């Protein structure tokens, strides 16, 4: 099994986080508020047959449950394109943590989307945005997406 384990040593308990993991095990702490918890980026990825997909989720833990604040996805279909005229497509996401006004966590998010007739002849489009992340004032179970790079479902 590959993925993440949320451990609470003071409680003597640990659980496997469903929906996160795969071939990636990247964790980046963005912020910590003693009363509201840790805000982290969890990386999840899969690959096979030359194709690759990854998701980077900014989560805040509400007890034992991760609460999604932002999600960015990247990947490509280079293992399944070029033949019979199928277009090669991909996207790559770069996230750089920033300290915003008052120390509020932010992400500078740059998305590079590319496509072309094969893996060597592609054209790229680049878009960037600064995403401000906030600790919610109240606890809710509904995830919130704060940028056009966010994709659900």
C-alpha atoms as a PDB file:
ATOM      1  CA  UNK A   1       0.000   0.000   0.000  1.00  0.00           C
ATOM      2  CA  UNK A   2       1.270   3.479  -0.892  1.00  0.00           C
ATOM      3  CA  UNK A   3      -0.060   6.689   0.562  1.00  0.00           C
ATOM      4  CA  UNK A   4      -0.114   8.846   3.647  1.00  0.00           C
ATOM      5  CA  UNK A   5      -0.622   8.048   7.293  1.00  0.00           C
ATOM      6  CA  UNK A   6      -1.913  10.693   9.691  1.00  0.00           C
ATOM      7  CA  UNK A   7      -0.382   9.942  13.090  1.00  0.00           C
ATOM      8  CA  UNK A   8      -1.369  11.504  16.383  1.00  0.00           C
ATOM      9  CA  UNK A   9       1.308  10.322  18.828  1.00  0.00           C
ATOM     10  CA  UNK A  10      -0.316  12.040  21.821  1.00  0.00           C
ATOM     11  CA  UNK A  11      -3.454   9.956  21.178  1.00  0.00           C
ATOM     12  CA  UNK A  12      -1.528   6.821  20.278  1.00  0.00           C
ATOM     13  CA  UNK A  13      -3.492   6.549  16.996  1.00  0.00           C
ATOM     14  CA  UNK A  14      -2.835   6.652  13.255  1.00  0.00           C
ATOM     15  CA  UNK A  15      -5.007   6.294  10.152  1.00  0.00           C
ATOM     16  CA  UNK A  16      -4.395   5.924   6.409  1.00  0.00           C
ATOM     17  CA  UNK A  17      -5.666   8.955   4.484  1.00  0.00           C
ATOM     18  CA  UNK A  18      -8.047   7.731   1.798  1.00  0.00           C
ATOM     19  CA  UNK A  19      -7.824   9.438  -1.582  1.00  0.00           C
ATOM     20  CA  UNK A  20      -4.214  10.545  -1.300  1.00  0.00           C
ATOM     21  CA  UNK A  21      -1.051   8.739  -2.301  1.00  0.00           C
ATOM     22  CA  UNK A  22       0.077   6.645  -5.202  1.00  0.00           C
ATOM     23  CA  UNK A  23       3.630   6.906  -6.436  1.00  0.00           C
ATOM     24  CA  UNK A  24       4.203  10.265  -4.764  1.00  0.00           C
ATOM     25  CA  UNK A  25       4.866  11.014  -1.143  1.00  0.00           C
ATOM     26  CA  UNK A  26       5.528  14.745  -1.156  1.00  0.00           C
ATOM     27  CA  UNK A  27       4.370  16.758   1.863  1.00  0.00           C
ATOM     28  CA  UNK A  28       4.947  20.503   2.142  1.00  0.00           C
ATOM     29  CA  UNK A  29       3.857  22.402   5.252  1.00  0.00           C
ATOM     30  CA  UNK A  30       2.472  25.775   4.171  1.00  0.00           C
ATOM     31  CA  UNK A  31       1.309  27.102   7.496  1.00  0.00           C
ATOM     32  CA  UNK A  32       0.605  26.173  11.087  1.00  0.00           C
ATOM     33  CA  UNK A  33      -1.888  27.884  13.343  1.00  0.00           C
ATOM     34  CA  UNK A  34      -1.855  26.470  16.867  1.00  0.00           C
ATOM     35  CA  UNK A  35      -5.633  26.679  17.169  1.00  0.00           C
ATOM     36  CA  UNK A  36      -6.587  25.726  13.623  1.00  0.00           C
ATOM     37  CA  UNK A  37      -3.941  23.186  12.648  1.00  0.00           C
ATOM     38  CA  UNK A  38      -1.538  22.484   9.814  1.00  0.00           C
ATOM     39  CA  UNK A  39      -2.132  23.536   6.215  1.00  0.00           C
ATOM     40  CA  UNK A  40      -0.150  21.174   3.958  1.00  0.00           C
ATOM     41  CA  UNK A  41       0.260  20.227   0.307  1.00  0.00           C
ATOM     42  CA  UNK A  42      -0.112  16.476  -0.324  1.00  0.00           C
ATOM     43  CA  UNK A  43       1.096  15.121  -3.660  1.00  0.00           C
ATOM     44  CA  UNK A  44      -0.570  12.118  -5.293  1.00  0.00           C
ATOM     45  CA  UNK A  45       0.441  10.551  -8.599  1.00  0.00           C
ATOM     46  CA  UNK A  46      -0.071   7.600 -10.903  1.00  0.00           C
ATOM     47  CA  UNK A  47       1.592   6.471 -14.108  1.00  0.00           C
ATOM     48  CA  UNK A  48       1.417   3.651 -16.548  1.00  0.00           C
ATOM     49  CA  UNK A  49       1.829   2.858 -20.240  1.00  0.00           C
ATOM     50  CA  UNK A  50       3.786   6.113 -20.656  1.00  0.00           C
ATOM     51  CA  UNK A  51       1.028   8.315 -19.246  1.00  0.00           C
ATOM     52  CA  UNK A  52       1.320  10.326 -16.031  1.00  0.00           C
ATOM     53  CA  UNK A  53      -1.151  12.128 -13.742  1.00  0.00           C
ATOM     54  CA  UNK A  54      -0.547  13.948 -10.472  1.00  0.00           C
ATOM     55  CA  UNK A  55      -2.650  15.956  -8.056  1.00  0.00           C
ATOM     56  CA  UNK A  56      -1.406  18.457  -5.501  1.00  0.00           C
ATOM     57  CA  UNK A  57      -3.947  19.118  -2.770  1.00  0.00           C
ATOM     58  CA  UNK A  58      -3.754  21.839  -0.153  1.00  0.00           C
ATOM     59  CA  UNK A  59      -5.527  20.433   2.872  1.00  0.00           C
ATOM     60  CA  UNK A  60      -6.304  21.476   6.401  1.00  0.00           C
ATOM     61  CA  UNK A  61      -6.987  18.726   8.891  1.00  0.00           C
ATOM     62  CA  UNK A  62     -10.346  18.963  10.637  1.00  0.00           C
ATOM     63  CA  UNK A  63      -9.781  16.354  13.313  1.00  0.00           C
ATOM     64  CA  UNK A  64      -8.972  13.182  11.376  1.00  0.00           C
ATOM     65  CA  UNK A  65     -10.432  14.372   8.068  1.00  0.00           C
ATOM     66  CA  UNK A  66      -8.477  16.350   5.469  1.00  0.00           C
ATOM     67  CA  UNK A  67     -10.445  19.402   4.299  1.00  0.00           C
ATOM     68  CA  UNK A  68      -9.568  20.364   0.714  1.00  0.00           C
ATOM     69  CA  UNK A  69      -8.780  24.060   0.238  1.00  0.00           C
ATOM     70  CA  UNK A  70      -7.195  23.935  -3.231  1.00  0.00           C
ATOM     71  CA  UNK A  71      -6.291  21.336  -5.816  1.00  0.00           C
ATOM     72  CA  UNK A  72      -4.094  21.474  -8.935  1.00  0.00           C
ATOM     73  CA  UNK A  73      -3.614  18.648 -11.423  1.00  0.00           C
ATOM     74  CA  UNK A  74      -0.952  17.856 -13.992  1.00  0.00           C
ATOM     75  CA  UNK A  75      -0.092  15.021 -16.349  1.00  0.00           C
ATOM     76  CA  UNK A  76       0.339  13.954 -19.935  1.00  0.00           C
ATOM     77  CA  UNK A  77      -0.770  11.331 -22.428  1.00  0.00           C
ATOM     78  CA  UNK A  78       2.603  10.912 -24.164  1.00  0.00           C
ATOM     79  CA  UNK A  79       2.369   7.129 -23.923  1.00  0.00           C
ATOM     80  CA  UNK A  80      -0.847   7.146 -25.943  1.00  0.00           C
ATOM     81  CA  UNK A  81      -0.460   9.852 -28.580  1.00  0.00           C
ATOM     82  CA  UNK A  82       1.124  10.613 -31.920  1.00  0.00           C
ATOM     83  CA  UNK A  83      -0.110   7.433 -33.606  1.00  0.00           C
ATOM     84  CA  UNK A  84      -2.977   7.715 -36.040  1.00  0.00           C
ATOM     85  CA  UNK A  85      -3.054  11.490 -35.595  1.00  0.00           C
ATOM     86  CA  UNK A  86      -3.915  11.486 -31.890  1.00  0.00           C
ATOM     87  CA  UNK A  87      -2.794  14.826 -30.404  1.00  0.00           C
ATOM     88  CA  UNK A  88      -0.285  14.781 -27.546  1.00  0.00           C
ATOM     89  CA  UNK A  89      -1.471  16.843 -24.588  1.00  0.00           C
ATOM     90  CA  UNK A  90      -0.157  17.616 -21.158  1.00  0.00           C
ATOM     91  CA  UNK A  91      -0.093  20.071 -18.332  1.00  0.00           C
ATOM     92  CA  UNK A  92       2.461  20.891 -15.698  1.00  0.00           C
ATOM     93  CA  UNK A  93       1.809  22.884 -12.522  1.00  0.00           C
ATOM     94  CA  UNK A  94       4.341  24.769 -10.436  1.00  0.00           C
ATOM     95  CA  UNK A  95       3.361  25.901  -6.935  1.00  0.00           C
ATOM     96  CA  UNK A  96       5.552  28.239  -4.920  1.00  0.00           C
ATOM     97  CA  UNK A  97       4.543  29.035  -1.324  1.00  0.00           C
ATOM     98  CA  UNK A  98       4.484  32.726  -0.410  1.00  0.00           C
ATOM     99  CA  UNK A  99       3.785  34.678   2.747  1.00  0.00           C
ATOM    100  CA  UNK A 100       0.996  37.098   1.976  1.00  0.00           C
ATOM    101  CA  UNK A 101      -0.181  40.129   3.920  1.00  0.00           C
ATOM    102  CA  UNK A 102      -0.101  39.471   7.642  1.00  0.00           C
ATOM    103  CA  UNK A 103       1.684  36.162   7.042  1.00  0.00           C
ATOM    104  CA  UNK A 104      -1.386  34.655   5.373  1.00  0.00           C
ATOM    105  CA  UNK A 105      -0.329  31.648   3.263  1.00  0.00           C
ATOM    106  CA  UNK A 106      -0.404  32.061  -0.503  1.00  0.00           C
ATOM    107  CA  UNK A 107       0.611  30.003  -3.519  1.00  0.00           C
ATOM    108  CA  UNK A 108       2.018  31.377  -6.740  1.00  0.00           C
ATOM    109  CA  UNK A 109       0.566  28.858  -9.213  1.00  0.00           C
ATOM    110  CA  UNK A 110       1.850  28.613 -12.779  1.00  0.00           C
ATOM    111  CA  UNK A 111       0.211  26.196 -15.191  1.00  0.00           C
ATOM    112  CA  UNK A 112       1.876  25.201 -18.462  1.00  0.00           C
ATOM    113  CA  UNK A 113      -0.439  23.454 -20.921  1.00  0.00           C
ATOM    114  CA  UNK A 114       0.985  21.953 -24.079  1.00  0.00           C
ATOM    115  CA  UNK A 115      -0.280  20.054 -27.092  1.00  0.00           C
ATOM    116  CA  UNK A 116       0.937  19.019 -30.507  1.00  0.00           C
ATOM    117  CA  UNK A 117       1.033  16.255 -33.095  1.00  0.00           C
ATOM    118  CA  UNK A 118       3.734  14.329 -31.180  1.00  0.00           C
ATOM    119  CA  UNK A 119       5.868  14.577 -28.044  1.00  0.00           C
ATOM    120  CA  UNK A 120       8.517  16.695 -29.782  1.00  0.00           C
ATOM    121  CA  UNK A 121       6.384  19.219 -31.651  1.00  0.00           C
ATOM    122  CA  UNK A 122       4.223  20.829 -28.999  1.00  0.00           C
ATOM    123  CA  UNK A 123       3.047  24.380 -28.374  1.00  0.00           C
ATOM    124  CA  UNK A 124       2.747  25.693 -24.836  1.00  0.00           C
ATOM    125  CA  UNK A 125       0.395  28.133 -23.113  1.00  0.00           C
ATOM    126  CA  UNK A 126       1.332  29.555 -19.722  1.00  0.00           C
ATOM    127  CA  UNK A 127      -0.960  31.074 -17.110  1.00  0.00           C
ATOM    128  CA  UNK A 128      -0.202  32.236 -13.574  1.00  0.00           C
ATOM    129  CA  UNK A 129      -2.172  33.253 -10.535  1.00  0.00           C
ATOM    130  CA  UNK A 130      -1.573  33.952  -6.850  1.00  0.00           C
ATOM    131  CA  UNK A 131      -3.967  31.971  -4.667  1.00  0.00           C
ATOM    132  CA  UNK A 132      -4.626  33.196  -1.138  1.00  0.00           C
ATOM    133  CA  UNK A 133      -5.357  30.385   1.285  1.00  0.00           C
ATOM    134  CA  UNK A 134      -7.260  31.031   4.481  1.00  0.00           C
ATOM    135  CA  UNK A 135      -8.108  29.121   7.584  1.00  0.00           C
ATOM    136  CA  UNK A 136     -11.895  28.925   7.675  1.00  0.00           C
ATOM    137  CA  UNK A 137     -13.698  30.798  10.436  1.00  0.00           C
ATOM    138  CA  UNK A 138     -16.086  27.893  10.937  1.00  0.00           C
ATOM    139  CA  UNK A 139     -15.660  24.191  10.386  1.00  0.00           C
ATOM    140  CA  UNK A 140     -17.520  22.904   7.335  1.00  0.00           C
ATOM    141  CA  UNK A 141     -17.319  19.647   5.441  1.00  0.00           C
ATOM    142  CA  UNK A 142     -17.704  21.155   1.956  1.00  0.00           C
ATOM    143  CA  UNK A 143     -14.438  21.557   0.006  1.00  0.00           C
ATOM    144  CA  UNK A 144     -13.736  24.981  -1.485  1.00  0.00           C
ATOM    145  CA  UNK A 145     -11.818  25.639  -4.676  1.00  0.00           C
ATOM    146  CA  UNK A 146     -10.323  29.086  -4.966  1.00  0.00           C
ATOM    147  CA  UNK A 147      -8.864  29.128  -8.489  1.00  0.00           C
ATOM    148  CA  UNK A 148      -9.592  28.167 -12.066  1.00  0.00           C
ATOM    149  CA  UNK A 149      -6.809  25.555 -11.862  1.00  0.00           C
ATOM    150  CA  UNK A 150      -8.959  23.596  -9.435  1.00  0.00           C
ATOM    151  CA  UNK A 151     -10.706  20.575 -10.882  1.00  0.00           C
ATOM    152  CA  UNK A 152     -12.986  18.236  -9.015  1.00  0.00           C
ATOM    153  CA  UNK A 153     -14.477  14.872  -9.758  1.00  0.00           C
END
